[in-house]
Amino acid sequence: MSTPIEISGVIEEIFPEQVISDRFKKREFILLHAPNPDYPEHIKVELVQDKCDLLDKYKKGQEVDLSLNLKGRMSESNGNYYNTIQCWRIMPSGGDSDDEEENLF
């Protein structure tokens, strides 16, 4: 098991939920992460399965703290490598959530 990554930023865009199959769904959003304001990072993050609903409490422009896992795989069909950034906890920036237990993976 990997060590979770903690990151904060501003929600820049929220996309609708995507149903990929009858057993898999995801929801993506863009996080503006700017530890150095001269070089802001626009990071696409995804929530999967039952975590998709966590984003319903948040809106564009809101500052948040995220707990993330990096996922990577190799396609057996073409040998290409793919990475994803999966969020499993989201909270208002600098504050504790009343729903913290609900947000745990």
N, C-alpha and C. Protein backbone atom coordinates (compact mmCIF):
# COMPACT_ATOMS: atom_id res chain seq x y z
N MET A 1 0.85 -1.18 0.00
CA MET A 1 0.00 0.00 0.00
C MET A 1 0.89 1.24 0.00
N SER A 2 0.48 2.21 -0.79
CA SER A 2 1.29 3.42 -0.90
C SER A 2 0.90 4.45 0.15
N THR A 3 1.83 5.34 0.43
CA THR A 3 1.58 6.43 1.36
C THR A 3 0.74 7.49 0.66
N PRO A 4 -0.36 7.93 1.28
CA PRO A 4 -1.18 8.95 0.63
C PRO A 4 -0.44 10.28 0.49
N ILE A 5 -0.81 11.02 -0.52
CA ILE A 5 -0.25 12.33 -0.78
C ILE A 5 -1.27 13.37 -0.35
N GLU A 6 -0.83 14.38 0.36
CA GLU A 6 -1.70 15.48 0.78
C GLU A 6 -1.37 16.70 -0.07
N ILE A 7 -2.39 17.36 -0.59
CA ILE A 7 -2.19 18.52 -1.45
C ILE A 7 -3.37 19.47 -1.25
N SER A 8 -3.13 20.76 -1.46
CA SER A 8 -4.22 21.73 -1.34
C SER A 8 -4.23 22.62 -2.57
N GLY A 9 -5.36 23.26 -2.78
CA GLY A 9 -5.49 24.15 -3.92
C GLY A 9 -6.92 24.63 -4.05
N VAL A 10 -7.23 25.18 -5.21
CA VAL A 10 -8.54 25.75 -5.50
C VAL A 10 -9.20 24.91 -6.60
N ILE A 11 -10.45 24.57 -6.40
CA ILE A 11 -11.19 23.84 -7.45
C ILE A 11 -11.42 24.79 -8.62
N GLU A 12 -10.89 24.42 -9.75
CA GLU A 12 -10.97 25.27 -10.94
C GLU A 12 -12.12 24.86 -11.85
N GLU A 13 -12.41 23.58 -11.92
CA GLU A 13 -13.48 23.07 -12.78
C GLU A 13 -13.97 21.75 -12.21
N ILE A 14 -15.27 21.50 -12.32
CA ILE A 14 -15.86 20.23 -11.88
C ILE A 14 -16.62 19.65 -13.07
N PHE A 15 -16.34 18.41 -13.39
CA PHE A 15 -16.98 17.75 -14.52
C PHE A 15 -18.07 16.79 -14.04
N PRO A 16 -19.04 16.50 -14.90
CA PRO A 16 -20.10 15.56 -14.53
C PRO A 16 -19.56 14.14 -14.32
N GLU A 17 -20.31 13.37 -13.59
CA GLU A 17 -19.97 11.97 -13.37
C GLU A 17 -20.02 11.22 -14.70
N GLN A 18 -19.07 10.31 -14.90
CA GLN A 18 -19.03 9.47 -16.09
C GLN A 18 -19.27 8.03 -15.69
N VAL A 19 -20.24 7.40 -16.30
CA VAL A 19 -20.48 5.98 -16.07
C VAL A 19 -19.75 5.23 -17.17
N ILE A 20 -18.68 4.57 -16.81
CA ILE A 20 -17.82 3.87 -17.77
C ILE A 20 -18.41 2.50 -18.11
N SER A 21 -18.94 1.82 -17.10
CA SER A 21 -19.60 0.53 -17.30
C SER A 21 -20.61 0.36 -16.18
N ASP A 22 -21.32 -0.75 -16.20
CA ASP A 22 -22.31 -0.98 -15.13
C ASP A 22 -21.64 -1.22 -13.78
N ARG A 23 -20.31 -1.38 -13.77
CA ARG A 23 -19.59 -1.61 -12.51
C ARG A 23 -18.57 -0.54 -12.18
N PHE A 24 -18.47 0.50 -13.03
CA PHE A 24 -17.44 1.52 -12.77
C PHE A 24 -17.92 2.91 -13.18
N LYS A 25 -17.73 3.87 -12.27
CA LYS A 25 -18.02 5.27 -12.57
C LYS A 25 -16.91 6.14 -11.97
N LYS A 26 -16.76 7.34 -12.57
CA LYS A 26 -15.75 8.27 -12.06
C LYS A 26 -16.23 9.70 -12.27
N ARG A 27 -15.62 10.60 -11.53
CA ARG A 27 -15.89 12.03 -11.66
C ARG A 27 -14.57 12.76 -11.56
N GLU A 28 -14.33 13.68 -12.48
CA GLU A 28 -13.06 14.39 -12.52
C GLU A 28 -13.25 15.86 -12.18
N PHE A 29 -12.18 16.46 -11.69
CA PHE A 29 -12.16 17.90 -11.47
C PHE A 29 -10.73 18.39 -11.63
N ILE A 30 -10.60 19.71 -11.82
CA ILE A 30 -9.29 20.32 -11.97
C ILE A 30 -8.97 21.09 -10.70
N LEU A 31 -7.81 20.83 -10.14
CA LEU A 31 -7.33 21.52 -8.95
C LEU A 31 -6.21 22.47 -9.37
N LEU A 32 -6.35 23.73 -9.02
CA LEU A 32 -5.28 24.71 -9.25
C LEU A 32 -4.39 24.67 -8.02
N HIS A 33 -3.19 24.14 -8.20
CA HIS A 33 -2.21 23.99 -7.11
C HIS A 33 -1.06 24.94 -7.43
N ALA A 34 -0.83 25.91 -6.55
CA ALA A 34 0.16 26.94 -6.86
C ALA A 34 1.07 27.23 -5.68
N PRO A 35 1.94 26.28 -5.29
CA PRO A 35 2.90 26.59 -4.23
C PRO A 35 3.83 27.71 -4.66
N ASN A 36 4.09 27.82 -5.96
CA ASN A 36 4.82 28.96 -6.52
C ASN A 36 3.86 29.64 -7.50
N PRO A 37 3.30 30.80 -7.12
CA PRO A 37 2.29 31.47 -7.95
C PRO A 37 2.76 31.80 -9.37
N ASP A 38 4.06 31.87 -9.58
CA ASP A 38 4.56 32.13 -10.94
C ASP A 38 4.38 30.93 -11.86
N TYR A 39 4.24 29.74 -11.29
CA TYR A 39 4.12 28.51 -12.06
C TYR A 39 2.98 27.64 -11.53
N PRO A 40 1.73 28.08 -11.68
CA PRO A 40 0.61 27.30 -11.16
C PRO A 40 0.46 25.98 -11.92
N GLU A 41 0.01 24.98 -11.22
CA GLU A 41 -0.23 23.65 -11.80
C GLU A 41 -1.74 23.42 -11.86
N HIS A 42 -2.22 22.97 -13.00
CA HIS A 42 -3.63 22.63 -13.21
C HIS A 42 -3.69 21.10 -13.26
N ILE A 43 -4.14 20.48 -12.18
CA ILE A 43 -4.04 19.04 -12.01
C ILE A 43 -5.42 18.40 -12.13
N LYS A 44 -5.54 17.44 -13.07
CA LYS A 44 -6.79 16.69 -13.21
C LYS A 44 -6.78 15.56 -12.18
N VAL A 45 -7.82 15.54 -11.35
CA VAL A 45 -7.95 14.56 -10.27
C VAL A 45 -9.26 13.82 -10.48
N GLU A 46 -9.29 12.55 -10.12
CA GLU A 46 -10.53 11.80 -10.26
C GLU A 46 -10.96 11.19 -8.94
N LEU A 47 -12.27 11.05 -8.83
CA LEU A 47 -12.90 10.30 -7.74
C LEU A 47 -13.58 9.11 -8.41
N VAL A 48 -13.55 7.95 -7.76
CA VAL A 48 -14.16 6.77 -8.37
C VAL A 48 -15.17 6.13 -7.43
N GLN A 49 -16.11 5.42 -8.06
CA GLN A 49 -17.15 4.65 -7.38
C GLN A 49 -17.91 5.48 -6.35
N ASP A 50 -17.99 5.02 -5.11
CA ASP A 50 -18.78 5.71 -4.08
C ASP A 50 -18.17 7.04 -3.65
N LYS A 51 -16.93 7.34 -4.06
CA LYS A 51 -16.30 8.62 -3.71
C LYS A 51 -16.75 9.76 -4.62
N CYS A 52 -17.41 9.46 -5.74
CA CYS A 52 -17.86 10.50 -6.68
C CYS A 52 -18.74 11.54 -5.99
N ASP A 53 -19.55 11.12 -5.04
CA ASP A 53 -20.48 12.03 -4.36
C ASP A 53 -19.78 13.02 -3.42
N LEU A 54 -18.54 12.77 -3.05
CA LEU A 54 -17.83 13.68 -2.14
C LEU A 54 -17.73 15.08 -2.74
N LEU A 55 -17.68 15.17 -4.04
CA LEU A 55 -17.51 16.46 -4.71
C LEU A 55 -18.78 17.31 -4.71
N ASP A 56 -19.93 16.71 -4.41
CA ASP A 56 -21.20 17.44 -4.41
C ASP A 56 -21.23 18.60 -3.42
N LYS A 57 -20.43 18.52 -2.37
CA LYS A 57 -20.42 19.55 -1.32
C LYS A 57 -19.58 20.77 -1.69
N TYR A 58 -18.88 20.71 -2.81
CA TYR A 58 -17.91 21.74 -3.16
C TYR A 58 -18.28 22.42 -4.47
N LYS A 59 -17.71 23.62 -4.67
CA LYS A 59 -18.00 24.37 -5.88
C LYS A 59 -16.72 24.99 -6.44
N LYS A 60 -16.82 25.43 -7.66
CA LYS A 60 -15.70 26.11 -8.31
C LYS A 60 -15.22 27.29 -7.47
N GLY A 61 -13.91 27.46 -7.35
CA GLY A 61 -13.34 28.56 -6.60
C GLY A 61 -13.09 28.26 -5.13
N GLN A 62 -13.55 27.12 -4.64
CA GLN A 62 -13.39 26.78 -3.24
C GLN A 62 -12.01 26.18 -2.98
N GLU A 63 -11.39 26.61 -1.86
CA GLU A 63 -10.10 26.06 -1.46
C GLU A 63 -10.32 24.76 -0.70
N VAL A 64 -9.54 23.73 -1.08
CA VAL A 64 -9.73 22.41 -0.49
C VAL A 64 -8.38 21.76 -0.19
N ASP A 65 -8.42 20.78 0.71
CA ASP A 65 -7.29 19.90 0.99
C ASP A 65 -7.68 18.51 0.52
N LEU A 66 -6.79 17.85 -0.20
CA LEU A 66 -7.07 16.53 -0.76
C LEU A 66 -6.10 15.49 -0.22
N SER A 67 -6.58 14.27 -0.10
CA SER A 67 -5.73 13.10 0.11
C SER A 67 -5.81 12.29 -1.18
N LEU A 68 -4.64 11.98 -1.74
CA LEU A 68 -4.57 11.35 -3.06
C LEU A 68 -3.74 10.08 -3.04
N ASN A 69 -4.01 9.24 -4.01
CA ASN A 69 -3.14 8.11 -4.33
C ASN A 69 -2.78 8.22 -5.80
N LEU A 70 -1.55 7.91 -6.14
CA LEU A 70 -1.13 7.82 -7.53
C LEU A 70 -1.32 6.39 -7.99
N LYS A 71 -1.94 6.23 -9.14
CA LYS A 71 -2.18 4.90 -9.70
C LYS A 71 -1.49 4.81 -11.04
N GLY A 72 -0.90 3.70 -11.36
CA GLY A 72 -0.25 3.50 -12.65
C GLY A 72 -0.45 2.08 -13.12
N ARG A 73 -0.53 1.93 -14.44
CA ARG A 73 -0.66 0.59 -15.00
C ARG A 73 -0.07 0.56 -16.40
N MET A 74 0.21 -0.64 -16.87
CA MET A 74 0.68 -0.83 -18.23
C MET A 74 -0.41 -1.56 -19.00
N SER A 75 -0.74 -1.06 -20.17
CA SER A 75 -1.72 -1.70 -21.03
C SER A 75 -1.11 -2.96 -21.63
N GLU A 76 -1.79 -4.09 -21.46
CA GLU A 76 -1.28 -5.33 -22.03
C GLU A 76 -1.45 -5.35 -23.54
N SER A 77 -2.42 -4.58 -24.05
CA SER A 77 -2.68 -4.61 -25.50
C SER A 77 -1.64 -3.83 -26.31
N ASN A 78 -1.13 -2.70 -25.76
CA ASN A 78 -0.20 -1.90 -26.57
C ASN A 78 1.10 -1.55 -25.84
N GLY A 79 1.24 -1.94 -24.58
CA GLY A 79 2.48 -1.68 -23.83
C GLY A 79 2.62 -0.26 -23.32
N ASN A 80 1.62 0.59 -23.54
CA ASN A 80 1.67 1.96 -23.03
C ASN A 80 1.43 2.00 -21.53
N TYR A 81 1.96 3.03 -20.89
CA TYR A 81 1.78 3.23 -19.46
C TYR A 81 0.79 4.36 -19.22
N TYR A 82 -0.05 4.19 -18.20
CA TYR A 82 -1.06 5.18 -17.87
C TYR A 82 -1.01 5.49 -16.38
N ASN A 83 -1.18 6.76 -16.04
CA ASN A 83 -1.20 7.20 -14.65
C ASN A 83 -2.52 7.91 -14.36
N THR A 84 -2.99 7.78 -13.14
CA THR A 84 -4.14 8.54 -12.68
C THR A 84 -3.87 9.05 -11.27
N ILE A 85 -4.53 10.14 -10.94
CA ILE A 85 -4.44 10.73 -9.61
C ILE A 85 -5.82 10.59 -9.00
N GLN A 86 -5.95 9.72 -8.01
CA GLN A 86 -7.26 9.44 -7.40
C GLN A 86 -7.36 10.08 -6.02
N CYS A 87 -8.42 10.84 -5.85
CA CYS A 87 -8.71 11.47 -4.56
C CYS A 87 -9.60 10.53 -3.76
N TRP A 88 -9.30 10.37 -2.48
CA TRP A 88 -10.15 9.55 -1.63
C TRP A 88 -10.67 10.32 -0.41
N ARG A 89 -10.16 11.56 -0.24
CA ARG A 89 -10.71 12.42 0.80
C ARG A 89 -10.57 13.86 0.34
N ILE A 90 -11.62 14.65 0.58
CA ILE A 90 -11.61 16.07 0.25
C ILE A 90 -12.24 16.82 1.41
N MET A 91 -11.58 17.91 1.83
CA MET A 91 -12.08 18.71 2.96
C MET A 91 -11.86 20.18 2.65
N PRO A 92 -12.67 21.05 3.25
CA PRO A 92 -12.41 22.49 3.09
C PRO A 92 -11.00 22.81 3.58
N SER A 93 -10.32 23.69 2.90
CA SER A 93 -8.94 24.01 3.23
C SER A 93 -8.82 24.59 4.64
N GLY A 94 -7.86 24.04 5.39
CA GLY A 94 -7.57 24.56 6.72
C GLY A 94 -8.55 24.19 7.80
N GLY A 95 -9.56 23.41 7.48
CA GLY A 95 -10.56 23.09 8.50
C GLY A 95 -10.82 21.61 8.57
N ASP A 96 -11.41 21.20 9.69
CA ASP A 96 -11.81 19.81 9.85
C ASP A 96 -13.23 19.67 9.33
N SER A 97 -13.48 18.56 8.71
CA SER A 97 -14.82 18.29 8.21
C SER A 97 -15.63 17.56 9.27
N ASP A 98 -16.91 17.91 9.37
CA ASP A 98 -17.78 17.17 10.28
C ASP A 98 -17.98 15.76 9.78
N ASP A 99 -17.76 15.55 8.49
CA ASP A 99 -17.98 14.25 7.87
C ASP A 99 -16.68 13.48 7.66
N GLU A 100 -15.67 13.77 8.46
CA GLU A 100 -14.35 13.18 8.21
C GLU A 100 -14.41 11.67 8.13
N GLU A 101 -15.16 11.02 9.01
CA GLU A 101 -15.25 9.57 8.97
C GLU A 101 -15.87 9.12 7.67
N GLU A 102 -16.85 9.86 7.17
CA GLU A 102 -17.52 9.52 5.91
C GLU A 102 -16.54 9.62 4.74
N ASN A 103 -15.57 10.51 4.83
CA ASN A 103 -14.66 10.76 3.72
C ASN A 103 -13.50 9.78 3.66
N LEU A 104 -13.33 8.93 4.64
CA LEU A 104 -12.20 7.99 4.63
C LEU A 104 -12.45 6.88 3.66
N PHE A 105 -11.38 6.41 3.02
CA PHE A 105 -11.45 5.37 2.01
C PHE A 105 -11.55 4.01 2.63
